[in-house]
Protein backbone atom coordinates (compact mmCIF):
# COMPACT_ATOMS: atom_id res chain seq x y z
CA MET A 1 4.27 -0.07 38.38
CA ASN A 2 3.15 -3.69 38.63
CA ASP A 3 4.62 -4.42 35.18
CA PHE A 4 7.86 -2.75 36.23
CA ASN A 5 8.23 -4.98 39.31
CA LYS A 6 7.24 -8.06 37.33
CA TYR A 7 9.93 -7.51 34.70
CA LEU A 8 12.45 -6.53 37.38
CA ASN A 9 11.96 -9.91 39.04
CA GLU A 10 12.35 -11.68 35.67
CA THR A 11 15.46 -9.92 34.32
CA GLY A 12 17.12 -8.63 37.47
CA GLU A 13 18.56 -5.58 35.67
CA THR A 14 17.73 -1.97 36.58
CA GLY A 15 18.83 1.00 34.52
CA PHE A 16 18.62 4.74 35.11
CA VAL A 17 17.82 7.57 32.70
CA GLU A 18 20.98 9.67 32.46
CA GLU A 19 19.82 12.06 29.75
CA MET A 20 16.55 12.83 27.94
CA THR A 21 16.48 14.58 24.54
CA GLN A 22 13.02 14.83 22.99
CA SER A 23 12.07 11.17 22.34
CA ILE A 24 15.50 9.61 23.00
CA ALA A 25 16.56 8.57 26.50
CA GLN A 26 20.16 7.65 27.32
CA VAL A 27 20.00 4.83 29.87
CA SER A 28 22.82 3.32 31.91
CA GLY A 29 22.84 0.03 33.78
CA LEU A 30 21.28 -2.40 31.28
CA PRO A 31 24.21 -4.62 30.17
CA GLY A 32 21.96 -7.33 28.76
CA ALA A 33 19.85 -5.05 26.54
CA LYS A 34 19.33 -6.09 22.92
CA LEU A 35 18.38 -4.06 19.84
CA SER A 36 14.60 -3.60 19.43
CA GLU A 37 13.97 -4.92 22.95
CA LEU A 38 11.06 -3.40 24.84
CA VAL A 39 11.82 -1.63 28.12
CA VAL A 40 9.50 -0.29 30.81
CA PHE A 41 10.04 2.83 32.94
CA GLU A 42 9.05 2.94 36.60
CA GLU A 43 5.90 5.00 35.90
CA GLY A 44 4.71 2.46 33.32
CA GLU A 45 5.92 4.21 30.15
CA MET A 46 7.22 2.00 27.34
CA GLY A 47 10.36 2.37 25.26
CA GLN A 48 12.30 0.47 22.61
CA VAL A 49 16.07 -0.02 22.45
CA MET A 50 17.41 1.81 19.37
CA GLY A 51 21.16 1.70 19.91
CA LEU A 52 23.82 0.11 22.11
CA GLY A 53 26.85 1.98 23.41
CA GLN A 54 29.75 1.00 25.65
CA ASP A 55 28.10 2.14 28.86
CA ARG A 56 24.74 3.48 27.71
CA VAL A 57 21.68 2.32 25.80
CA GLU A 58 19.64 4.52 23.46
CA VAL A 59 15.94 4.10 24.18
CA LEU A 60 13.12 5.42 22.01
CA VAL A 61 10.43 6.64 24.44
CA LEU A 62 6.92 5.81 23.20
CA VAL A 63 4.99 8.43 25.20
CA ARG A 64 4.66 12.10 24.38
CA SER A 65 5.32 13.36 27.92
CA GLY A 66 8.76 11.75 28.01
CA VAL A 67 10.40 10.51 31.18
CA LYS A 68 12.35 12.18 33.98
CA VAL A 69 16.11 12.05 34.31
CA GLY A 70 16.92 9.57 37.06
CA ALA A 71 13.88 7.39 36.42
CA ARG A 72 14.42 3.65 36.74
CA VAL A 73 14.22 1.41 33.66
CA VAL A 74 13.85 -2.35 33.39
CA ARG A 75 14.22 -4.77 30.48
CA THR A 76 11.32 -6.97 29.42
CA GLY A 77 13.49 -9.60 27.75
CA GLY A 78 11.48 -9.50 24.52
CA PRO A 79 10.79 -7.29 21.49
CA LEU A 80 7.81 -4.97 20.95
CA ARG A 81 4.66 -6.96 20.19
CA ILE A 82 1.14 -5.91 19.20
CA ALA A 83 -2.21 -7.66 19.48
CA VAL A 84 -3.75 -8.74 16.17
CA GLY A 85 -6.97 -10.53 15.24
CA GLU A 86 -10.18 -10.54 13.22
CA ALA A 87 -11.68 -7.99 15.63
CA MET A 88 -9.44 -5.33 14.06
CA LEU A 89 -11.53 -5.27 10.86
CA GLY A 90 -13.59 -2.10 10.69
CA LYS A 91 -11.52 -0.43 13.42
CA ILE A 92 -8.96 2.34 13.60
CA VAL A 93 -5.89 1.67 15.76
CA ASP A 94 -2.87 3.78 16.66
CA GLY A 95 0.74 3.30 15.64
CA LEU A 96 1.24 0.68 18.38
CA GLY A 97 -1.87 -1.30 17.48
CA ARG A 98 -3.94 -0.04 20.42
CA GLY A 99 -7.66 0.44 19.86
CA ALA A 100 -8.91 -3.06 19.04
CA GLU A 101 -8.83 -6.45 20.74
CA GLY A 102 -6.56 -9.15 19.37
CA GLU A 103 -6.52 -12.94 19.39
CA GLU A 104 -2.73 -13.21 19.51
CA THR A 105 0.37 -11.04 19.72
CA ARG A 106 3.05 -10.66 17.08
CA MET A 107 6.48 -9.07 16.87
CA VAL A 108 6.50 -5.76 15.01
CA ASP A 109 10.09 -6.07 13.76
CA VAL A 110 10.70 -9.38 11.97
CA THR A 111 13.08 -10.60 9.28
CA PRO A 112 11.39 -10.86 5.84
CA SER A 113 10.65 -14.37 4.57
CA GLY A 114 13.11 -15.92 2.12
CA ILE A 115 12.53 -16.94 -1.48
CA SER A 116 11.55 -20.52 -0.53
CA ALA A 117 8.40 -19.17 1.16
CA ARG A 118 7.33 -17.13 -1.88
CA LYS A 119 5.47 -17.77 -5.13
CA LYS A 120 5.57 -16.14 -8.55
CA ILE A 121 3.15 -13.23 -8.90
CA SER A 122 0.50 -14.55 -11.28
CA ARG A 123 -2.88 -13.10 -10.22
CA PRO A 124 -4.07 -9.60 -11.18
CA LEU A 125 -5.02 -6.97 -8.62
CA GLU A 126 -7.97 -4.81 -9.63
CA THR A 127 -7.69 -1.19 -8.56
CA GLY A 128 -11.02 -0.35 -10.21
CA ILE A 129 -9.30 2.48 -12.11
CA ALA A 130 -9.36 1.84 -15.86
CA LEU A 131 -6.16 3.77 -16.63
CA VAL A 132 -4.12 1.71 -14.17
CA ASP A 133 -5.71 -1.70 -14.74
CA LEU A 134 -5.29 -1.45 -18.53
CA LEU A 135 -1.99 0.44 -18.94
CA VAL A 136 -0.06 -0.03 -15.65
CA PRO A 137 -1.49 -3.35 -14.36
CA LEU A 138 -0.68 -4.63 -10.89
CA GLY A 139 -0.39 -8.19 -9.61
CA ARG A 140 -1.25 -9.58 -6.20
CA GLY A 141 1.93 -9.44 -4.16
CA GLN A 142 3.45 -6.57 -6.14
CA ARG A 143 5.08 -3.56 -4.48
CA GLU A 144 4.16 -0.53 -6.56
CA LEU A 145 5.37 2.94 -5.61
CA VAL A 146 2.81 5.75 -5.92
CA MET A 147 4.69 9.00 -6.45
CA GLY A 148 4.04 12.62 -7.36
CA ASP A 149 3.83 16.13 -5.95
CA ARG A 150 1.66 16.92 -2.95
CA LYS A 151 -2.10 17.43 -3.30
CA ILE A 152 -2.51 16.08 -6.84
CA GLY A 153 -4.58 12.98 -6.10
CA LYS A 154 -2.23 10.25 -4.81
CA THR A 155 -4.25 9.63 -1.64
CA ASN A 156 -7.50 9.67 -3.63
CA PHE A 157 -6.05 6.98 -5.89
CA VAL A 158 -5.05 4.64 -3.05
CA LEU A 159 -8.42 5.17 -1.32
CA GLN A 160 -10.12 4.25 -4.60
CA ALA A 161 -7.99 1.10 -4.88
CA ILE A 162 -8.90 0.16 -1.30
CA LEU A 163 -12.59 0.66 -2.14
CA ALA A 164 -12.36 -1.62 -5.20
CA GLN A 165 -10.53 -4.35 -3.29
CA SER A 166 -12.78 -4.11 -0.24
CA ARG A 167 -15.82 -4.65 -2.48
CA LEU A 168 -14.14 -7.84 -3.75
CA GLY A 169 -13.64 -9.09 -0.19
CA THR A 170 -9.89 -8.43 0.08
CA VAL A 171 -8.59 -7.37 3.49
CA CYS A 172 -7.17 -3.84 3.26
CA VAL A 173 -4.80 -2.08 5.67
CA TYR A 174 -4.39 1.69 5.40
CA ALA A 175 -1.42 3.19 7.26
CA ALA A 176 -1.72 6.95 7.77
CA ILE A 177 1.80 8.00 8.80
CA GLY A 178 2.06 11.32 10.66
CA LYS A 179 -1.05 12.74 8.98
CA LYS A 180 -3.15 15.66 10.18
CA ASN A 181 -6.15 14.61 12.24
CA THR A 182 -8.46 16.15 9.63
CA GLU A 183 -6.90 14.01 6.87
CA ILE A 184 -7.35 10.84 8.94
CA MET A 185 -10.98 11.76 9.63
CA GLN A 186 -11.64 12.45 5.93
CA ALA A 187 -10.26 9.03 4.95
CA GLU A 188 -12.31 7.31 7.67
CA SER A 189 -15.43 9.18 6.54
CA PHE A 190 -14.87 8.06 2.91
CA PHE A 191 -14.52 4.41 3.98
CA ASN A 192 -17.64 4.61 6.15
CA LYS A 193 -19.75 6.23 3.40
CA THR A 194 -18.71 3.71 0.76
CA GLY A 195 -18.89 0.64 3.02
CA ALA A 196 -15.20 -0.20 2.52
CA ILE A 197 -14.62 -0.04 6.28
CA LYS A 198 -15.99 -3.58 6.84
CA ASN A 199 -12.88 -5.18 5.26
CA LEU A 200 -10.42 -2.51 6.40
CA VAL A 201 -8.03 -1.83 9.25
CA ILE A 202 -6.81 1.76 9.62
CA VAL A 203 -3.47 2.15 11.39
CA ALA A 204 -3.10 5.88 12.01
CA SER A 205 -0.63 8.16 13.72
CA SER A 206 -1.19 11.89 13.68
CA SER A 207 1.41 14.62 13.52
CA HIS A 208 0.72 15.22 17.23
CA ASP A 209 1.82 11.71 18.26
CA THR A 210 5.31 10.83 19.41
CA VAL A 211 8.04 10.47 16.81
CA GLY A 212 8.51 6.87 17.87
CA GLU A 213 4.85 6.00 17.36
CA ILE A 214 4.85 7.64 13.92
CA TRP A 215 8.01 5.75 12.97
CA LEU A 216 6.51 2.41 14.07
CA THR A 217 3.19 2.94 12.22
CA PRO A 218 4.12 1.22 8.90
CA TYR A 219 5.68 -1.70 10.79
CA THR A 220 2.50 -2.13 12.82
CA ALA A 221 0.44 -2.01 9.61
CA MET A 222 2.67 -4.64 7.97
CA THR A 223 2.34 -6.87 11.05
CA VAL A 224 -1.46 -6.62 10.82
CA ALA A 225 -1.25 -7.48 7.10
CA GLU A 226 0.91 -10.52 7.86
CA TYR A 227 -1.65 -11.82 10.35
CA PHE A 228 -4.41 -11.85 7.73
CA ARG A 229 -2.02 -13.28 5.14
CA ASP A 230 -1.31 -16.20 7.46
CA GLN A 231 -5.06 -16.83 7.63
CA GLY A 232 -4.90 -17.46 3.87
CA ARG A 233 -6.39 -14.09 2.86
CA ASP A 234 -5.03 -11.63 0.30
CA VAL A 235 -4.18 -8.20 1.69
CA LEU A 236 -3.80 -4.75 0.13
CA LEU A 237 -1.50 -2.56 2.23
CA VAL A 238 -1.18 1.19 1.64
CA LEU A 239 1.64 3.16 3.33
CA ASP A 240 0.74 6.85 3.15
CA ASP A 241 3.33 8.24 3.03
CA MET A 242 6.96 7.07 3.21
CA THR A 243 8.43 10.54 2.70
CA ALA A 244 7.00 11.59 6.06
CA HIS A 245 8.26 8.34 7.58
CA ALA A 246 11.79 9.06 6.35
CA LYS A 247 11.66 12.60 7.75
CA PHE A 248 10.60 11.39 11.19
CA TYR A 249 13.33 8.74 11.18
CA ARG A 250 15.84 11.46 10.25
CA GLU A 251 14.61 13.46 13.25
CA LEU A 252 15.14 10.44 15.50
CA SER A 253 18.65 9.83 14.20
CA LEU A 254 19.74 13.44 14.51
CA THR A 255 18.33 13.59 18.04
CA ALA A 256 20.35 10.47 18.88
CA ARG A 257 23.47 12.25 17.49
CA ARG A 258 24.07 9.68 14.78
CA PHE A 259 26.28 10.67 11.88
CA PRO A 260 24.13 12.23 9.12
CA GLY A 261 24.48 11.14 5.50
CA ARG A 262 23.03 12.45 2.26
CA GLU A 263 20.47 15.25 2.84
CA SER A 264 21.02 14.60 6.59
CA TYR A 265 19.22 11.25 6.38
CA PRO A 266 20.81 8.46 8.44
CA GLY A 267 23.02 5.98 6.64
CA ASP A 268 20.67 3.07 7.35
CA ILE A 269 17.53 4.63 5.82
CA PHE A 270 17.76 2.23 2.85
CA TYR A 271 17.95 -0.77 5.18
CA VAL A 272 15.05 0.51 7.29
CA HIS A 273 12.71 0.87 4.30
CA SER A 274 13.84 -2.22 2.39
CA LYS A 275 13.40 -4.47 5.43
CA LEU A 276 9.83 -3.21 5.66
CA LEU A 277 8.89 -3.52 1.97
CA GLU A 278 10.50 -6.96 1.58
CA ARG A 279 7.84 -8.29 3.95
CA ALA A 280 5.28 -7.83 1.14
CA GLY A 281 4.92 -10.31 -1.70
CA CYS A 282 3.12 -13.49 -2.75
CA PHE A 283 3.58 -16.26 -0.18
CA LEU A 284 2.98 -19.93 0.45
CA VAL A 285 0.67 -20.18 3.45
CA PRO A 286 -0.92 -23.12 5.25
CA ASN A 287 -4.57 -24.01 4.76
CA THR A 288 -5.77 -25.05 8.20
CA SER A 289 -7.86 -28.08 9.02
CA PRO A 290 -8.87 -29.60 12.38
CA SER A 291 -8.11 -33.14 11.22
CA VAL A 292 -5.02 -33.31 9.02
CA ALA A 293 -1.51 -32.15 9.86
CA THR A 294 1.39 -32.22 7.39
CA GLY A 295 4.00 -29.93 8.92
CA PRO A 296 4.92 -26.40 9.91
CA SER A 297 4.09 -23.19 8.04
CA PRO A 298 6.58 -22.49 5.20
CA VAL A 299 6.48 -18.80 6.17
CA THR A 300 6.75 -18.76 9.95
CA GLY A 301 8.07 -22.27 10.58
CA GLU A 302 5.30 -22.83 13.11
CA GLY A 303 1.95 -24.60 13.09
CA ASN A 304 -1.26 -22.56 12.93
CA ALA A 305 -2.60 -21.07 16.16
CA ARG A 306 -5.50 -23.51 15.92
CA GLY A 307 -3.09 -26.40 15.83
CA GLU A 308 -2.72 -28.13 12.46
CA VAL A 309 -1.57 -27.47 8.90
CA SER A 310 -3.29 -29.41 6.10
CA GLN A 311 -2.04 -28.18 2.73
CA VAL A 312 -0.15 -25.25 1.32
CA GLY A 313 -2.09 -22.42 -0.26
CA GLU A 314 -1.25 -18.97 -1.61
CA ALA A 315 -1.85 -15.51 -0.16
CA ALA A 316 -0.36 -12.13 -1.04
CA ILE A 317 0.41 -8.80 0.56
CA THR A 318 0.23 -6.16 -2.17
CA CYS A 319 1.97 -3.01 -0.97
CA LEU A 320 1.40 0.52 -2.31
CA PRO A 321 3.89 2.86 -0.62
CA VAL A 322 3.22 6.55 -1.34
CA VAL A 323 6.02 9.09 -1.71
CA ASP A 324 6.04 12.84 -2.38
CA THR A 325 8.15 14.51 -5.04
CA VAL A 326 9.10 18.17 -5.27
CA GLN A 327 8.16 19.85 -8.57
CA GLY A 328 7.93 16.45 -10.26
CA ASP A 329 11.58 15.57 -9.52
CA MET A 330 11.85 11.76 -9.36
CA THR A 331 15.58 11.79 -8.65
CA GLY A 332 15.43 12.71 -4.94
CA TYR A 333 17.21 10.55 -2.38
CA ILE A 334 14.20 8.86 -0.74
CA GLN A 335 12.31 8.60 -4.04
CA THR A 336 15.13 6.76 -5.81
CA ASN A 337 15.71 4.54 -2.77
CA LEU A 338 12.11 3.41 -2.81
CA MET A 339 12.06 3.03 -6.60
CA SER A 340 14.92 0.54 -6.31
CA MET A 341 12.99 -1.53 -3.73
CA THR A 342 9.67 -1.72 -5.56
CA ASP A 343 8.37 -3.45 -8.69
CA GLY A 344 7.50 -0.27 -10.53
CA HIS A 345 5.93 3.11 -9.92
CA ILE A 346 2.78 5.06 -10.79
CA PHE A 347 3.67 8.68 -11.46
CA PHE A 348 1.21 11.50 -10.83
CA ASP A 349 1.96 14.50 -13.06
CA SER A 350 1.08 17.96 -11.74
CA ASP A 351 0.71 19.32 -15.31
CA LEU A 352 -1.96 16.70 -16.03
CA TYR A 353 -3.65 17.47 -12.74
CA PHE A 354 -3.94 21.17 -13.49
CA ALA A 355 -5.16 20.29 -17.00
CA GLY A 356 -8.15 18.56 -15.36
CA ARG A 357 -7.15 14.88 -15.61
CA ARG A 358 -8.47 12.66 -12.79
CA PRO A 359 -6.52 10.63 -11.89
CA ALA A 360 -3.52 12.65 -13.09
CA ILE A 361 -1.40 9.59 -13.89
CA ASN A 362 1.19 9.81 -16.65
CA PRO A 363 1.16 6.34 -18.29
CA PHE A 364 4.31 7.05 -20.32
CA VAL A 365 6.44 7.61 -17.19
CA SER A 366 4.76 4.97 -15.02
CA VAL A 367 6.28 1.47 -14.88
CA THR A 368 5.05 -1.96 -13.79
CA ARG A 369 7.65 -4.72 -13.81
CA VAL A 370 5.57 -7.77 -12.96
CA GLY A 371 2.01 -6.63 -13.65
CA TYR A 372 1.92 -7.51 -17.35
CA GLN A 373 2.48 -11.20 -16.60
CA THR A 374 -0.84 -11.25 -14.71
CA GLN A 375 -2.87 -9.78 -17.60
CA SER A 376 -4.93 -11.83 -20.03
CA HIS A 377 -3.85 -11.82 -23.67
CA ILE A 378 -6.74 -9.61 -24.80
CA ARG A 379 -6.12 -6.99 -22.09
CA ARG A 380 -2.40 -6.90 -22.83
CA ALA A 381 -3.05 -6.39 -26.54
CA LEU A 382 -5.66 -3.75 -25.77
CA GLY A 383 -3.28 -1.93 -23.44
CA ARG A 384 -0.53 -1.81 -26.07
CA GLU A 385 -2.95 -0.39 -28.63
CA ILE A 386 -4.22 2.26 -26.19
CA VAL A 387 -0.68 3.39 -25.35
CA LYS A 388 0.06 3.71 -29.07
CA ARG A 389 -3.11 5.77 -29.65
CA LEU A 390 -2.40 8.05 -26.67
CA ASN A 391 1.18 8.53 -27.85
CA ASP A 392 -0.09 9.53 -31.31
CA TYR A 393 -2.56 11.87 -29.63
CA GLU A 394 0.19 13.65 -27.68
CA LYS A 395 2.35 14.04 -30.80
CA THR A 396 -0.57 15.38 -32.83
CA GLN A 397 -1.42 17.83 -30.04
CA SER A 398 2.04 19.36 -30.40
CA PHE A 399 1.28 20.13 -34.06
CA VAL A 400 -2.01 21.76 -33.09
CA ARG A 401 -0.18 24.11 -30.73
CA PHE A 402 1.89 25.35 -33.68
CA GLY A 403 -1.29 26.09 -35.65
CA ALA A 404 -0.74 23.41 -38.28
CA GLU A 405 -3.64 22.41 -40.52
CA LEU A 406 -4.84 18.91 -39.82
CA GLY A 407 -6.02 16.26 -42.23
CA ASP A 408 -8.75 13.68 -41.62
CA ALA A 409 -6.30 11.11 -40.21
CA ALA A 410 -4.93 13.59 -37.66
CA ARG A 411 -8.44 14.61 -36.64
CA GLN A 412 -9.33 10.96 -36.09
CA VAL A 413 -6.25 10.52 -33.90
CA LEU A 414 -7.29 13.53 -31.80
CA THR A 415 -10.88 12.30 -31.53
CA ILE A 416 -9.96 8.82 -30.32
CA GLY A 417 -7.39 10.24 -27.90
CA GLU A 418 -9.97 12.60 -26.40
CA HIS A 419 -12.45 9.72 -26.08
CA PHE A 420 -9.88 7.66 -24.16
CA LEU A 421 -9.19 10.59 -21.83
CA LYS A 422 -12.92 10.81 -21.12
CA LEU A 423 -12.99 7.08 -20.34
CA PHE A 424 -10.02 7.38 -17.99
CA ASN A 425 -11.49 10.37 -16.16
CA GLN A 426 -13.07 8.59 -13.16
CA PRO A 427 -14.92 10.09 -10.18
CA MET A 428 -13.42 9.03 -6.84
CA GLN A 429 -16.30 6.83 -5.68
CA VAL A 430 -16.62 4.99 -9.01
CA THR A 431 -14.72 1.74 -9.49
CA MET A 432 -14.92 -0.19 -12.76
CA ALA A 433 -14.87 -3.97 -13.09
CA GLN A 434 -12.19 -5.38 -15.40
CA ASP A 435 -14.71 -6.72 -17.91
CA VAL A 436 -16.36 -3.28 -18.12
CA GLN A 437 -12.96 -1.64 -18.62
CA THR A 438 -12.04 -4.10 -21.38
CA VAL A 439 -15.32 -3.76 -23.29
CA ALA A 440 -15.44 0.04 -22.91
CA ALA A 441 -11.85 0.45 -24.15
CA ALA A 442 -12.53 -1.81 -27.15
CA MET A 443 -15.63 0.19 -28.06
CA VAL A 444 -13.71 3.48 -27.88
CA LEU A 445 -10.96 1.99 -30.03
CA ALA A 446 -13.54 1.01 -32.65
CA GLY A 447 -15.07 4.50 -32.67
CA LEU A 448 -18.40 3.19 -31.34
CA TRP A 449 -18.36 5.24 -28.14
CA ASP A 450 -17.04 8.61 -26.96
CA GLY A 451 -15.94 7.27 -23.55
CA SER A 452 -18.22 9.54 -21.50
CA GLU A 453 -20.36 8.39 -18.57
CA ALA A 454 -18.58 5.08 -18.10
CA GLU A 455 -20.08 4.98 -14.60
CA VAL A 456 -23.54 4.49 -16.19
CA LEU A 457 -22.30 1.34 -17.93
CA GLN A 458 -20.81 0.16 -14.62
CA GLU A 459 -24.16 0.71 -12.84
CA ARG A 460 -25.95 -1.38 -15.47
CA TYR A 461 -23.26 -4.04 -15.15
CA ASP A 462 -23.78 -4.20 -11.36
CA LYS A 463 -27.56 -4.54 -11.67
CA ASP A 464 -27.91 -6.80 -14.74
CA GLU A 465 -26.76 -10.39 -14.27
CA VAL A 466 -27.30 -11.22 -17.95
CA LEU A 467 -25.07 -8.29 -19.00
CA ARG A 468 -22.35 -9.45 -16.60
CA ARG A 469 -22.46 -12.97 -18.03
CA GLU A 470 -22.42 -11.77 -21.63
CA MET A 471 -19.45 -9.45 -21.07
CA LYS A 472 -17.46 -12.11 -19.23
CA GLU A 473 -18.07 -14.68 -21.97
CA ALA A 474 -17.12 -12.21 -24.70
CA VAL A 475 -13.91 -11.12 -22.94
CA ASP A 476 -12.89 -14.72 -22.15
CA LYS A 477 -13.53 -15.97 -25.70
CA ALA A 478 -11.98 -13.03 -27.59
CA ALA A 479 -8.53 -13.85 -28.96
CA THR A 480 -8.17 -10.45 -30.66
CA THR A 481 -9.48 -6.95 -30.16
CA GLU A 482 -11.48 -7.27 -33.40
CA GLN A 483 -13.41 -10.25 -32.01
CA LEU A 484 -14.30 -8.29 -28.86
CA ILE A 485 -15.45 -5.31 -30.93
CA ALA A 486 -17.58 -7.62 -33.09
CA ALA A 487 -19.23 -9.03 -29.95
CA GLY A 488 -19.94 -5.50 -28.73
CA ARG A 489 -21.56 -4.58 -32.04
CA GLU A 490 -23.68 -7.74 -31.96
CA LYS A 491 -24.84 -7.42 -28.33
CA GLN A 492 -25.16 -3.61 -28.44
CA TRP A 493 -24.15 -3.26 -24.77
CA LEU A 494 -23.65 0.49 -25.09
CA THR A 495 -27.08 1.16 -26.55
CA LYS A 496 -29.17 -1.00 -24.23
CA SER A 497 -31.32 0.97 -21.79
């Protein structure tokens, strides 16, 4: 009530709730209201302006209990803001950012930065998953869609990527959008067990929360990511999942009696999602210093909160939006919308999943548009060779199904293909360093290893500093795959105890 009176004195406008339909309130008497402005009801409930009519304002109510018809409403004069800060690391917050203390407040809905504030994507992002890092590589600042049917390992993949990046010190933000409480608890438990929670912020809304809070969850997560980006830190942001987000936004639009479009989704669903995803990328950011000042931030146009800007650095928000398909159909409305906004997609195939592949990623259907430019020459050459071998393996498998007799060359193709599948079959809590992936793939290609128990090699790599140095030197010096294989034969990395 105190906030209500405070804002009433500031704005001098009082509105009244004329109609309440689920989460949408029709309010009269607020002539100065603006889109996305925060409003406060007389009992302290919050709302956000969603639409402007001739004599009424559509307000999204951000409490589950709703508000009473006839209740007074007052403008705040500003947009919805959330508190952000270092204290959020290791915490779980709700869709409005509540649950952790913040050092400053930021607007949730902002216009994406222009091209002058961005840099070319040039640094690789390690997911720790050999299949992705070798065949569908990602760069820092890339937006890569993760798509596939429900319950075939998409969430496990993004959790694994968060684990790998958290171990490297990258700030990670995981947005659970309208998930079941059990699913949120399982993800939190995984992060706690593996230690990834220390560099992680979980922004979660459950299916029991208000539609408005669920809809705002990815925007809150992006705002948190932008805070850490502006501190000069790279961020990995996972939006799990955008199909649910689109469905809840459709519910909001239909409740507000807006004209439905294709599959009853609102006409602005493309704008809503693209405005969110365009906020990710690789950016110029200020490096702060207490003594030297050279100008405002190229991203925000403002100086740092601590006062000065010394020199321009680089920080990235890598975004992995997740989307569900139905029976592997990639041509759905929301799926194709998101594919057009992102820099590629990783496709999870249900046939591969039921055949026992983990992760069940189809490398022939998956696409990365900017990831290859971040790969080293040796890894790019190795990836091309692996794709060729796997393609030959699939073709040869089709002959086996027809009962054809195979020669020695065909048997060798099948053997190497099976060895690569063993290498790419990774347990969820195992992440592989890029040097280990590169050496292991080269050894499989040379027929020196069957690809099994790659996690044992990773454990030795983690414990043995000499092995780490030798592998790094060999990978950095190798100009061709043959040179890397020769180094592996000489050092005998796979046979050392």
